[in-house]
N, C-alpha and C. Protein backbone atom coordinates (compact mmCIF):
# COMPACT_ATOMS: atom_id res chain seq x y z
N UNK A 1 59.07 61.59 -16.23
CA UNK A 1 60.51 61.88 -16.19
C UNK A 1 61.11 61.75 -17.58
N UNK A 2 61.98 62.68 -17.95
CA UNK A 2 62.60 62.68 -19.27
C UNK A 2 63.80 61.74 -19.29
N UNK A 3 63.85 60.84 -20.26
CA UNK A 3 64.98 59.94 -20.41
C UNK A 3 66.14 60.68 -21.08
N UNK A 4 67.34 60.57 -20.52
CA UNK A 4 68.53 61.23 -21.06
C UNK A 4 69.47 60.18 -21.61
N UNK A 5 69.91 60.37 -22.86
CA UNK A 5 70.76 59.39 -23.53
C UNK A 5 71.95 60.11 -24.16
N UNK A 6 73.15 59.60 -23.91
CA UNK A 6 74.34 60.10 -24.59
C UNK A 6 74.91 61.40 -24.05
N UNK A 7 74.42 61.85 -22.91
CA UNK A 7 74.90 63.09 -22.31
C UNK A 7 75.87 62.79 -21.18
N UNK A 8 76.91 63.62 -21.06
CA UNK A 8 77.79 63.46 -19.92
C UNK A 8 77.15 64.14 -18.71
N UNK A 9 77.68 63.93 -17.50
CA UNK A 9 77.04 64.50 -16.30
C UNK A 9 76.85 66.01 -16.36
N UNK A 10 77.83 66.73 -16.88
CA UNK A 10 77.69 68.19 -16.98
C UNK A 10 76.55 68.55 -17.92
N UNK A 11 76.45 67.85 -19.06
CA UNK A 11 75.39 68.14 -20.02
C UNK A 11 74.02 67.78 -19.45
N UNK A 12 73.96 66.71 -18.67
CA UNK A 12 72.70 66.34 -18.02
C UNK A 12 72.21 67.45 -17.09
N UNK A 13 73.14 68.05 -16.37
CA UNK A 13 72.77 69.16 -15.48
C UNK A 13 72.25 70.34 -16.28
N UNK A 14 72.92 70.66 -17.39
CA UNK A 14 72.48 71.77 -18.24
C UNK A 14 71.08 71.52 -18.78
N UNK A 15 70.87 70.30 -19.30
CA UNK A 15 69.59 69.98 -19.94
C UNK A 15 68.46 69.96 -18.91
N UNK A 16 68.65 69.25 -17.82
CA UNK A 16 67.57 69.16 -16.82
C UNK A 16 67.30 70.51 -16.18
N UNK A 17 68.35 71.30 -15.99
CA UNK A 17 68.16 72.63 -15.42
C UNK A 17 67.35 73.54 -16.32
N UNK A 18 67.61 73.48 -17.63
CA UNK A 18 66.88 74.34 -18.55
C UNK A 18 65.45 73.85 -18.74
N UNK A 19 65.25 72.54 -18.75
CA UNK A 19 63.87 72.02 -18.80
C UNK A 19 63.08 72.52 -17.59
N UNK A 20 63.70 72.46 -16.41
CA UNK A 20 63.04 72.95 -15.20
C UNK A 20 62.75 74.44 -15.28
N UNK A 21 63.68 75.20 -15.86
CA UNK A 21 63.48 76.65 -15.99
C UNK A 21 62.33 76.95 -16.96
N UNK A 22 62.29 76.23 -18.07
CA UNK A 22 61.18 76.41 -19.02
C UNK A 22 59.85 76.09 -18.36
N UNK A 23 59.81 74.98 -17.61
CA UNK A 23 58.57 74.61 -16.92
C UNK A 23 58.17 75.69 -15.92
N UNK A 24 59.13 76.21 -15.18
CA UNK A 24 58.87 77.27 -14.21
C UNK A 24 58.34 78.52 -14.89
N UNK A 25 58.80 78.76 -16.11
CA UNK A 25 58.36 79.93 -16.88
C UNK A 25 57.08 79.67 -17.67
N UNK A 26 56.43 78.54 -17.38
CA UNK A 26 55.11 78.18 -17.90
C UNK A 26 55.13 77.78 -19.38
N UNK A 27 56.26 77.32 -19.86
CA UNK A 27 56.29 76.65 -21.16
C UNK A 27 55.88 75.20 -20.96
N UNK A 28 55.33 74.58 -21.99
CA UNK A 28 54.78 73.23 -21.88
C UNK A 28 55.87 72.20 -22.19
N UNK A 29 56.31 71.50 -21.14
CA UNK A 29 57.37 70.50 -21.26
C UNK A 29 56.87 69.08 -21.02
N UNK A 30 55.58 68.91 -20.72
CA UNK A 30 55.07 67.64 -20.26
C UNK A 30 55.08 66.52 -21.28
N UNK A 31 55.20 66.84 -22.56
CA UNK A 31 55.17 65.79 -23.58
C UNK A 31 56.57 65.45 -24.12
N UNK A 32 57.59 66.04 -23.51
CA UNK A 32 58.97 65.68 -23.85
C UNK A 32 59.32 64.40 -23.10
N UNK A 33 59.65 63.37 -23.84
CA UNK A 33 59.90 62.05 -23.25
C UNK A 33 61.38 61.67 -23.22
N UNK A 34 62.16 62.19 -24.17
CA UNK A 34 63.53 61.70 -24.32
C UNK A 34 64.41 62.81 -24.87
N UNK A 35 65.62 62.93 -24.36
CA UNK A 35 66.63 63.81 -24.91
C UNK A 35 67.85 62.95 -25.22
N UNK A 36 68.30 62.99 -26.44
CA UNK A 36 69.42 62.16 -26.87
C UNK A 36 70.46 63.01 -27.58
N UNK A 37 71.71 62.88 -27.19
CA UNK A 37 72.79 63.55 -27.89
C UNK A 37 73.46 62.59 -28.86
N UNK A 38 73.50 63.00 -30.13
CA UNK A 38 74.17 62.19 -31.16
C UNK A 38 74.39 63.07 -32.37
N UNK A 39 75.30 62.68 -33.28
CA UNK A 39 75.53 63.49 -34.47
C UNK A 39 74.27 63.62 -35.32
N UNK A 40 74.07 64.81 -35.86
CA UNK A 40 72.92 65.07 -36.73
C UNK A 40 73.42 65.76 -37.99
N UNK A 41 73.11 65.21 -39.12
CA UNK A 41 73.55 65.79 -40.39
C UNK A 41 72.80 67.09 -40.67
N UNK A 42 73.53 68.20 -40.63
CA UNK A 42 72.93 69.48 -40.99
C UNK A 42 72.16 70.18 -39.89
N UNK A 43 72.13 69.62 -38.69
CA UNK A 43 71.36 70.22 -37.60
C UNK A 43 72.19 70.25 -36.33
N UNK A 44 71.97 71.27 -35.50
CA UNK A 44 72.48 71.27 -34.14
C UNK A 44 71.51 70.59 -33.18
N UNK A 45 70.23 70.62 -33.55
CA UNK A 45 69.20 70.00 -32.72
C UNK A 45 67.95 69.77 -33.55
N UNK A 46 67.08 68.92 -33.02
CA UNK A 46 65.87 68.54 -33.76
C UNK A 46 64.87 67.96 -32.76
N UNK A 47 63.61 68.34 -32.91
CA UNK A 47 62.55 67.75 -32.10
C UNK A 47 61.71 66.85 -33.00
N UNK A 48 61.53 65.61 -32.56
CA UNK A 48 60.75 64.63 -33.31
C UNK A 48 59.48 64.29 -32.52
N UNK A 49 58.34 64.84 -32.94
CA UNK A 49 57.09 64.52 -32.25
C UNK A 49 56.38 63.36 -32.94
N UNK A 50 55.74 62.52 -32.16
CA UNK A 50 54.85 61.49 -32.69
C UNK A 50 53.52 61.62 -31.96
N UNK A 51 52.44 61.34 -32.69
CA UNK A 51 51.11 61.40 -32.11
C UNK A 51 50.81 60.07 -31.44
N UNK A 52 50.43 60.11 -30.18
CA UNK A 52 50.11 58.88 -29.46
C UNK A 52 48.88 58.22 -30.07
N UNK A 53 48.89 56.90 -30.13
CA UNK A 53 47.80 56.15 -30.74
C UNK A 53 46.49 56.42 -30.00
N UNK A 54 45.46 56.78 -30.76
CA UNK A 54 44.12 57.03 -30.22
C UNK A 54 44.14 58.06 -29.10
N UNK A 55 44.94 59.08 -29.32
CA UNK A 55 45.07 60.12 -28.30
C UNK A 55 45.41 61.44 -28.97
N UNK A 56 45.15 62.52 -28.25
CA UNK A 56 45.52 63.85 -28.74
C UNK A 56 46.92 64.23 -28.29
N UNK A 57 47.59 63.36 -27.54
CA UNK A 57 48.88 63.67 -26.96
C UNK A 57 50.02 63.40 -27.94
N UNK A 58 51.12 64.13 -27.71
CA UNK A 58 52.36 63.90 -28.43
C UNK A 58 53.37 63.23 -27.49
N UNK A 59 54.22 62.42 -28.06
CA UNK A 59 55.45 62.00 -27.41
C UNK A 59 56.59 62.62 -28.20
N UNK A 60 57.48 63.34 -27.54
CA UNK A 60 58.54 64.05 -28.26
C UNK A 60 59.92 63.59 -27.81
N UNK A 61 60.79 63.47 -28.80
CA UNK A 61 62.21 63.22 -28.58
C UNK A 61 62.97 64.44 -29.05
N UNK A 62 63.85 64.96 -28.22
CA UNK A 62 64.72 66.07 -28.60
C UNK A 62 66.11 65.52 -28.87
N UNK A 63 66.55 65.64 -30.11
CA UNK A 63 67.88 65.19 -30.52
C UNK A 63 68.83 66.38 -30.53
N UNK A 64 70.03 66.18 -30.01
CA UNK A 64 71.00 67.26 -29.90
C UNK A 64 72.35 66.81 -30.44
N UNK A 65 72.92 67.60 -31.34
CA UNK A 65 74.32 67.42 -31.71
C UNK A 65 75.20 68.32 -30.85
N UNK A 66 74.58 69.35 -30.27
CA UNK A 66 75.29 70.32 -29.44
C UNK A 66 74.45 70.66 -28.23
N UNK A 67 75.10 70.90 -27.11
CA UNK A 67 74.38 71.36 -25.91
C UNK A 67 74.65 72.84 -25.64
N UNK A 68 74.98 73.56 -26.69
CA UNK A 68 75.06 75.02 -26.59
C UNK A 68 73.76 75.56 -26.01
N UNK A 69 73.80 76.50 -25.06
CA UNK A 69 72.57 76.99 -24.42
C UNK A 69 71.53 77.52 -25.41
N UNK A 70 71.98 78.18 -26.48
CA UNK A 70 71.02 78.69 -27.45
C UNK A 70 70.32 77.54 -28.15
N UNK A 71 71.08 76.51 -28.54
CA UNK A 71 70.49 75.35 -29.19
C UNK A 71 69.49 74.67 -28.27
N UNK A 72 69.87 74.45 -27.01
CA UNK A 72 68.97 73.83 -26.05
C UNK A 72 67.67 74.62 -25.92
N UNK A 73 67.79 75.93 -25.75
CA UNK A 73 66.60 76.76 -25.58
C UNK A 73 65.75 76.78 -26.84
N UNK A 74 66.39 76.82 -28.00
CA UNK A 74 65.67 76.80 -29.27
C UNK A 74 64.83 75.54 -29.39
N UNK A 75 65.42 74.39 -29.08
CA UNK A 75 64.70 73.13 -29.23
C UNK A 75 63.62 72.98 -28.17
N UNK A 76 63.87 73.44 -26.95
CA UNK A 76 62.83 73.39 -25.93
C UNK A 76 61.66 74.30 -26.28
N UNK A 77 61.95 75.42 -26.93
CA UNK A 77 60.88 76.29 -27.41
C UNK A 77 60.03 75.56 -28.45
N UNK A 78 60.67 74.75 -29.30
CA UNK A 78 59.91 73.94 -30.26
C UNK A 78 59.00 72.95 -29.54
N UNK A 79 59.53 72.32 -28.48
CA UNK A 79 58.72 71.37 -27.71
C UNK A 79 57.45 72.05 -27.21
N UNK A 80 57.61 73.19 -26.58
CA UNK A 80 56.46 73.92 -26.05
C UNK A 80 55.53 74.39 -27.16
N UNK A 81 56.09 74.83 -28.27
CA UNK A 81 55.29 75.33 -29.39
C UNK A 81 54.41 74.22 -29.96
N UNK A 82 54.98 73.03 -30.11
CA UNK A 82 54.22 71.90 -30.64
C UNK A 82 53.04 71.58 -29.71
N UNK A 83 53.29 71.59 -28.40
CA UNK A 83 52.22 71.31 -27.44
C UNK A 83 51.19 72.43 -27.38
N UNK A 84 51.63 73.67 -27.56
CA UNK A 84 50.72 74.81 -27.48
C UNK A 84 49.84 74.92 -28.72
N UNK A 85 50.45 74.81 -29.88
CA UNK A 85 49.69 74.92 -31.14
C UNK A 85 49.36 73.51 -31.62
N UNK A 86 48.54 72.82 -30.84
CA UNK A 86 48.33 71.39 -31.06
C UNK A 86 47.71 71.10 -32.43
N UNK A 87 46.66 71.82 -32.77
CA UNK A 87 45.98 71.54 -34.03
C UNK A 87 46.89 71.83 -35.21
N UNK A 88 47.58 72.98 -35.16
CA UNK A 88 48.49 73.32 -36.25
C UNK A 88 49.64 72.30 -36.34
N UNK A 89 50.12 71.85 -35.17
CA UNK A 89 51.21 70.87 -35.15
C UNK A 89 50.77 69.55 -35.79
N UNK A 90 49.56 69.10 -35.47
CA UNK A 90 49.05 67.86 -36.08
C UNK A 90 48.88 68.03 -37.58
N UNK A 91 48.37 69.19 -37.99
CA UNK A 91 48.20 69.44 -39.43
C UNK A 91 49.56 69.45 -40.13
N UNK A 92 50.56 70.03 -39.47
CA UNK A 92 51.89 70.08 -40.08
C UNK A 92 52.49 68.68 -40.20
N UNK A 93 52.33 67.86 -39.17
CA UNK A 93 52.84 66.49 -39.22
C UNK A 93 52.14 65.65 -40.28
N UNK A 94 50.90 65.98 -40.57
CA UNK A 94 50.13 65.21 -41.54
C UNK A 94 50.63 65.39 -42.97
N UNK A 95 51.33 66.51 -43.23
CA UNK A 95 51.80 66.86 -44.58
C UNK A 95 50.65 66.96 -45.59
N UNK A 96 49.44 67.18 -45.07
CA UNK A 96 48.26 67.18 -45.92
C UNK A 96 47.77 68.57 -46.30
N UNK A 97 48.39 69.60 -45.73
CA UNK A 97 47.97 70.96 -46.01
C UNK A 97 48.69 71.48 -47.26
N UNK A 98 48.24 72.59 -47.83
CA UNK A 98 48.94 73.17 -48.99
C UNK A 98 50.38 73.51 -48.65
N UNK A 99 51.25 73.47 -49.65
CA UNK A 99 52.68 73.72 -49.42
C UNK A 99 52.93 75.07 -48.76
N UNK A 100 52.19 76.09 -49.19
CA UNK A 100 52.38 77.42 -48.61
C UNK A 100 52.03 77.45 -47.14
N UNK A 101 51.04 76.67 -46.74
CA UNK A 101 50.66 76.60 -45.32
C UNK A 101 51.79 75.98 -44.51
N UNK A 102 52.34 74.86 -45.01
CA UNK A 102 53.42 74.20 -44.28
C UNK A 102 54.64 75.11 -44.15
N UNK A 103 54.95 75.86 -45.21
CA UNK A 103 56.09 76.77 -45.16
C UNK A 103 55.85 77.88 -44.15
N UNK A 104 54.65 78.44 -44.15
CA UNK A 104 54.33 79.51 -43.20
C UNK A 104 54.38 78.99 -41.76
N UNK A 105 53.92 77.78 -41.54
CA UNK A 105 53.98 77.20 -40.20
C UNK A 105 55.43 77.02 -39.76
N UNK A 106 56.25 76.52 -40.67
CA UNK A 106 57.67 76.33 -40.35
C UNK A 106 58.33 77.68 -40.03
N UNK A 107 58.03 78.70 -40.81
CA UNK A 107 58.60 80.02 -40.55
C UNK A 107 58.19 80.53 -39.17
N UNK A 108 56.91 80.41 -38.84
CA UNK A 108 56.46 80.90 -37.54
C UNK A 108 57.09 80.11 -36.41
N UNK A 109 57.27 78.80 -36.60
CA UNK A 109 57.89 77.96 -35.58
C UNK A 109 59.35 78.34 -35.35
N UNK A 110 60.09 78.56 -36.42
CA UNK A 110 61.52 78.90 -36.28
C UNK A 110 61.69 80.32 -35.72
N UNK A 111 60.84 81.22 -36.16
CA UNK A 111 60.88 82.59 -35.60
C UNK A 111 60.64 82.55 -34.10
N UNK A 112 59.59 81.82 -33.69
CA UNK A 112 59.25 81.73 -32.28
C UNK A 112 60.39 81.11 -31.48
N UNK A 113 60.96 80.01 -31.98
CA UNK A 113 62.01 79.30 -31.24
C UNK A 113 63.25 80.17 -31.07
N UNK A 114 63.65 80.89 -32.10
CA UNK A 114 64.82 81.76 -31.97
C UNK A 114 64.54 82.95 -31.07
N UNK A 115 63.35 83.48 -31.15
CA UNK A 115 63.03 84.64 -30.30
C UNK A 115 63.01 84.23 -28.83
N UNK A 116 62.43 83.08 -28.53
CA UNK A 116 62.42 82.60 -27.15
C UNK A 116 63.83 82.26 -26.68
N UNK A 117 64.63 81.64 -27.54
CA UNK A 117 65.98 81.22 -27.16
C UNK A 117 66.84 82.39 -26.70
N UNK A 118 66.57 83.58 -27.22
CA UNK A 118 67.35 84.76 -26.83
C UNK A 118 67.19 85.08 -25.35
N UNK A 119 66.12 84.60 -24.72
CA UNK A 119 65.92 84.85 -23.29
C UNK A 119 66.85 84.01 -22.43
N UNK A 120 67.35 82.91 -22.99
CA UNK A 120 68.05 81.91 -22.17
C UNK A 120 69.51 81.72 -22.56
N UNK A 121 70.02 82.55 -23.43
CA UNK A 121 71.42 82.44 -23.86
C UNK A 121 72.09 83.79 -23.70
N UNK A 122 73.41 83.76 -23.55
CA UNK A 122 74.13 85.03 -23.45
C UNK A 122 74.44 85.56 -24.85
N UNK A 123 74.97 86.77 -24.89
CA UNK A 123 75.16 87.43 -26.18
C UNK A 123 76.13 86.68 -27.08
N UNK A 124 77.15 86.05 -26.50
CA UNK A 124 78.12 85.32 -27.32
C UNK A 124 77.44 84.15 -28.04
N UNK A 125 76.59 83.40 -27.33
CA UNK A 125 75.89 82.27 -27.95
C UNK A 125 74.86 82.75 -28.97
N UNK A 126 74.20 83.86 -28.66
CA UNK A 126 73.24 84.42 -29.61
C UNK A 126 73.96 84.86 -30.88
N UNK A 127 75.12 85.48 -30.74
CA UNK A 127 75.89 85.91 -31.90
C UNK A 127 76.28 84.72 -32.77
N UNK A 128 76.70 83.62 -32.15
CA UNK A 128 77.07 82.44 -32.92
C UNK A 128 75.87 81.89 -33.69
N UNK A 129 74.70 81.88 -33.05
CA UNK A 129 73.49 81.43 -33.74
C UNK A 129 73.14 82.35 -34.90
N UNK A 130 73.26 83.65 -34.66
CA UNK A 130 72.97 84.63 -35.72
C UNK A 130 73.94 84.44 -36.89
N UNK A 131 75.21 84.24 -36.57
CA UNK A 131 76.22 84.04 -37.61
C UNK A 131 75.92 82.80 -38.44
N UNK A 132 75.52 81.73 -37.77
CA UNK A 132 75.19 80.49 -38.48
C UNK A 132 73.96 80.66 -39.37
N UNK A 133 72.92 81.31 -38.84
CA UNK A 133 71.70 81.52 -39.63
C UNK A 133 71.94 82.49 -40.78
N UNK A 134 72.80 83.48 -40.56
CA UNK A 134 73.15 84.41 -41.63
C UNK A 134 73.85 83.67 -42.77
N UNK A 135 74.78 82.77 -42.42
CA UNK A 135 75.47 81.98 -43.44
C UNK A 135 74.48 81.11 -44.20
N UNK A 136 73.53 80.50 -43.48
CA UNK A 136 72.51 79.69 -44.14
C UNK A 136 71.62 80.51 -45.06
N UNK A 137 71.31 81.73 -44.64
CA UNK A 137 70.50 82.65 -45.44
C UNK A 137 71.20 82.96 -46.76
N UNK A 138 72.47 83.30 -46.67
CA UNK A 138 73.23 83.64 -47.88
C UNK A 138 73.40 82.42 -48.79
N UNK A 139 73.62 81.26 -48.20
CA UNK A 139 73.78 80.06 -49.01
C UNK A 139 72.48 79.68 -49.71
N UNK A 140 71.36 79.84 -49.02
CA UNK A 140 70.07 79.54 -49.63
C UNK A 140 69.81 80.46 -50.82
N UNK A 141 70.20 81.74 -50.70
CA UNK A 141 70.06 82.67 -51.82
C UNK A 141 70.94 82.22 -52.98
N UNK A 142 72.19 81.85 -52.70
CA UNK A 142 73.11 81.41 -53.74
C UNK A 142 72.60 80.17 -54.45
N UNK A 143 71.91 79.30 -53.69
CA UNK A 143 71.40 78.04 -54.26
C UNK A 143 70.01 78.19 -54.87
N UNK A 144 69.46 79.39 -54.84
CA UNK A 144 68.07 79.62 -55.28
C UNK A 144 67.10 78.70 -54.55
N UNK A 145 67.38 78.45 -53.28
CA UNK A 145 66.50 77.64 -52.43
C UNK A 145 65.54 78.61 -51.74
N UNK A 146 64.44 78.91 -52.41
CA UNK A 146 63.59 80.00 -51.95
C UNK A 146 62.85 79.67 -50.66
N UNK A 147 62.48 78.42 -50.47
CA UNK A 147 61.89 78.03 -49.19
C UNK A 147 62.92 78.21 -48.07
N UNK A 148 64.16 77.82 -48.34
CA UNK A 148 65.23 78.00 -47.37
C UNK A 148 65.47 79.46 -47.06
N UNK A 149 65.39 80.32 -48.07
CA UNK A 149 65.55 81.76 -47.85
C UNK A 149 64.50 82.27 -46.86
N UNK A 150 63.26 81.85 -47.05
CA UNK A 150 62.18 82.29 -46.17
C UNK A 150 62.36 81.77 -44.75
N UNK A 151 62.79 80.53 -44.61
CA UNK A 151 62.98 79.96 -43.27
C UNK A 151 64.14 80.65 -42.55
N UNK A 152 65.25 80.85 -43.26
CA UNK A 152 66.38 81.54 -42.62
C UNK A 152 66.05 83.00 -42.32
N UNK A 153 65.24 83.61 -43.16
CA UNK A 153 64.79 84.97 -42.86
C UNK A 153 64.03 84.99 -41.53
N UNK A 154 63.13 84.02 -41.35
CA UNK A 154 62.36 83.94 -40.11
C UNK A 154 63.26 83.71 -38.90
N UNK A 155 64.27 82.85 -39.05
CA UNK A 155 65.22 82.61 -37.97
C UNK A 155 65.96 83.88 -37.58
N UNK A 156 66.46 84.60 -38.58
CA UNK A 156 67.19 85.84 -38.31
C UNK A 156 66.29 86.90 -37.69
N UNK A 157 65.07 86.99 -38.19
CA UNK A 157 64.13 87.97 -37.64
C UNK A 157 63.80 87.64 -36.18
N UNK A 158 63.71 86.35 -35.88
CA UNK A 158 63.46 85.93 -34.51
C UNK A 158 64.55 86.39 -33.56
N UNK A 159 65.80 86.28 -33.99
CA UNK A 159 66.91 86.76 -33.14
C UNK A 159 66.87 88.27 -33.01
N UNK A 160 66.68 88.97 -34.11
CA UNK A 160 66.63 90.43 -34.04
C UNK A 160 65.53 90.90 -33.09
N UNK A 161 64.36 90.32 -33.22
CA UNK A 161 63.25 90.71 -32.35
C UNK A 161 63.50 90.25 -30.92
N UNK A 162 64.12 89.07 -30.76
CA UNK A 162 64.45 88.58 -29.42
C UNK A 162 65.43 89.48 -28.70
N UNK A 163 66.24 90.20 -29.46
CA UNK A 163 67.20 91.15 -28.88
C UNK A 163 66.62 92.56 -28.77
N UNK A 164 65.33 92.67 -29.05
CA UNK A 164 64.66 93.96 -28.90
C UNK A 164 64.80 94.89 -30.09
N UNK A 165 65.36 94.38 -31.20
CA UNK A 165 65.56 95.22 -32.39
C UNK A 165 64.39 95.04 -33.35
N UNK A 166 63.24 95.57 -32.97
CA UNK A 166 62.03 95.35 -33.75
C UNK A 166 62.02 96.10 -35.07
N UNK A 167 62.89 97.08 -35.23
CA UNK A 167 62.94 97.86 -36.46
C UNK A 167 63.97 97.33 -37.45
N UNK A 168 64.68 96.26 -37.09
CA UNK A 168 65.71 95.69 -37.98
C UNK A 168 65.08 94.73 -38.98
N UNK A 169 65.73 94.60 -40.13
CA UNK A 169 65.24 93.73 -41.20
C UNK A 169 66.41 92.92 -41.75
N UNK A 170 66.35 91.59 -41.70
CA UNK A 170 67.44 90.77 -42.23
C UNK A 170 67.76 91.01 -43.70
N UNK A 171 66.82 91.57 -44.46
CA UNK A 171 67.10 91.86 -45.86
C UNK A 171 68.24 92.85 -46.02
N UNK A 172 68.47 93.66 -44.99
CA UNK A 172 69.56 94.64 -45.06
C UNK A 172 70.93 93.97 -45.01
N UNK A 173 70.95 92.67 -44.70
CA UNK A 173 72.22 91.94 -44.61
C UNK A 173 72.74 91.48 -45.97
N UNK A 174 71.92 91.60 -47.00
CA UNK A 174 72.36 91.14 -48.32
C UNK A 174 72.49 92.32 -49.26
N UNK A 175 73.33 92.14 -50.29
CA UNK A 175 73.72 93.26 -51.15
C UNK A 175 72.59 93.73 -52.05
N UNK A 176 71.81 92.81 -52.61
CA UNK A 176 70.81 93.20 -53.62
C UNK A 176 69.50 92.47 -53.37
N UNK A 177 68.80 92.82 -52.29
CA UNK A 177 67.55 92.12 -51.99
C UNK A 177 66.52 92.27 -53.10
N UNK A 178 66.62 93.35 -53.86
CA UNK A 178 65.65 93.58 -54.92
C UNK A 178 65.75 92.53 -56.02
N UNK A 179 66.86 91.77 -56.04
CA UNK A 179 67.03 90.73 -57.06
C UNK A 179 66.34 89.42 -56.70
N UNK A 180 65.84 89.32 -55.47
CA UNK A 180 65.09 88.12 -55.11
C UNK A 180 63.78 88.06 -55.89
N UNK A 181 63.26 86.85 -56.14
CA UNK A 181 61.97 86.76 -56.84
C UNK A 181 60.87 87.51 -56.12
N UNK A 182 59.96 88.07 -56.89
CA UNK A 182 58.89 88.87 -56.31
C UNK A 182 58.09 88.08 -55.28
N UNK A 183 57.82 86.81 -55.56
CA UNK A 183 57.04 86.00 -54.63
C UNK A 183 57.76 85.83 -53.29
N UNK A 184 59.09 85.72 -53.34
CA UNK A 184 59.87 85.61 -52.11
C UNK A 184 59.82 86.91 -51.32
N UNK A 185 60.00 88.04 -52.01
CA UNK A 185 59.93 89.34 -51.35
C UNK A 185 58.55 89.58 -50.74
N UNK A 186 57.50 89.17 -51.45
CA UNK A 186 56.15 89.33 -50.92
C UNK A 186 55.97 88.48 -49.65
N UNK A 187 56.50 87.25 -49.68
CA UNK A 187 56.40 86.38 -48.51
C UNK A 187 57.16 86.94 -47.33
N UNK A 188 58.34 87.49 -47.58
CA UNK A 188 59.13 88.11 -46.52
C UNK A 188 58.41 89.31 -45.94
N UNK A 189 57.87 90.17 -46.79
CA UNK A 189 57.19 91.37 -46.31
C UNK A 189 55.97 91.01 -45.48
N UNK A 190 55.19 90.02 -45.95
CA UNK A 190 53.99 89.62 -45.22
C UNK A 190 54.37 89.04 -43.86
N UNK A 191 55.43 88.22 -43.83
CA UNK A 191 55.84 87.61 -42.57
C UNK A 191 56.34 88.67 -41.59
N UNK A 192 57.15 89.60 -42.09
CA UNK A 192 57.69 90.64 -41.21
C UNK A 192 56.56 91.46 -40.59
N UNK A 193 55.55 91.79 -41.37
CA UNK A 193 54.47 92.63 -40.87
C UNK A 193 53.59 91.88 -39.86
N UNK A 194 53.50 90.55 -39.98
CA UNK A 194 52.63 89.78 -39.09
C UNK A 194 53.35 89.19 -37.89
N UNK A 195 54.71 89.17 -37.92
CA UNK A 195 55.46 88.41 -36.92
C UNK A 195 55.26 88.93 -35.50
N UNK A 196 55.31 90.24 -35.31
CA UNK A 196 55.18 90.79 -33.96
C UNK A 196 53.79 90.53 -33.40
N UNK A 197 52.78 90.70 -34.22
CA UNK A 197 51.41 90.42 -33.79
C UNK A 197 51.23 88.95 -33.45
N UNK A 198 51.84 88.08 -34.24
CA UNK A 198 51.79 86.64 -33.95
C UNK A 198 52.40 86.36 -32.58
N UNK A 199 53.56 86.94 -32.31
CA UNK A 199 54.23 86.67 -31.05
C UNK A 199 53.46 87.27 -29.87
N UNK A 200 52.99 88.49 -30.04
CA UNK A 200 52.28 89.15 -28.95
C UNK A 200 50.96 88.43 -28.63
N UNK A 201 50.34 87.84 -29.64
CA UNK A 201 49.08 87.12 -29.43
C UNK A 201 49.26 85.63 -29.39
N UNK A 202 50.48 85.18 -29.13
CA UNK A 202 50.80 83.75 -29.19
C UNK A 202 49.91 82.94 -28.25
N UNK A 203 49.45 81.79 -28.77
CA UNK A 203 48.61 80.91 -27.99
C UNK A 203 47.13 81.11 -28.24
N UNK A 204 46.77 82.12 -29.03
CA UNK A 204 45.37 82.31 -29.41
C UNK A 204 45.06 81.43 -30.60
N UNK A 205 43.87 81.52 -31.13
CA UNK A 205 43.48 80.67 -32.26
C UNK A 205 44.08 81.14 -33.57
N UNK A 206 44.61 82.35 -33.61
CA UNK A 206 45.15 82.89 -34.85
C UNK A 206 46.59 82.44 -35.03
N UNK A 207 46.89 81.89 -36.19
CA UNK A 207 48.24 81.39 -36.47
C UNK A 207 48.71 81.95 -37.79
N UNK A 208 50.00 82.22 -37.91
CA UNK A 208 50.54 82.77 -39.15
C UNK A 208 50.28 81.84 -40.32
N UNK A 209 50.37 80.53 -40.09
CA UNK A 209 50.14 79.59 -41.18
C UNK A 209 48.71 79.69 -41.70
N UNK A 210 47.76 79.89 -40.78
CA UNK A 210 46.37 79.99 -41.20
C UNK A 210 46.12 81.26 -41.99
N UNK A 211 46.94 82.28 -41.76
CA UNK A 211 46.79 83.53 -42.49
C UNK A 211 47.43 83.48 -43.87
N UNK A 212 48.24 82.44 -44.12
CA UNK A 212 48.98 82.36 -45.39
C UNK A 212 48.02 82.06 -46.55
């Protein structure tokens, strides 16, 4: 049973109902132990996995600053993703892989979570998420935060693909994409070309991070 902390009765119904829906849809929810609502600096939600001592299992806590349906679905998708891609998740938690591998794993995780979340939220909530990620994308470019640019690109691409717009490219949202560093453009192009195949073959041994 999942422990609920800091949620009002209405929010508890939303959270437990969506967990049940994810489980019914064959997403892996069995390692989620706790859901807690509290303020989070810079995040609407966050999943914190820990590896159980002398075990292959995870214990996960889902932290929420908001119970917006898109946020809930996004974080529950992370829960299932961590359980599904167990080896990659453990490698990511170890922080022992090359930096490019960790970045590619993060991009694939955020793309997957946003694409799945589109199934469980209405268009108004999806638009708000897109607007927030678009603002983060533009701010990361302004700050020359190139890792952030790649992560926000993956988030935006996840929403576009989740809405069935497989021919759309988030780069079209900025005025001068050609001014981005070549390495960033190469990373974006490689991710865009591999993202649909990653999603369609999700759960196999092939992972975008391993291809990086």
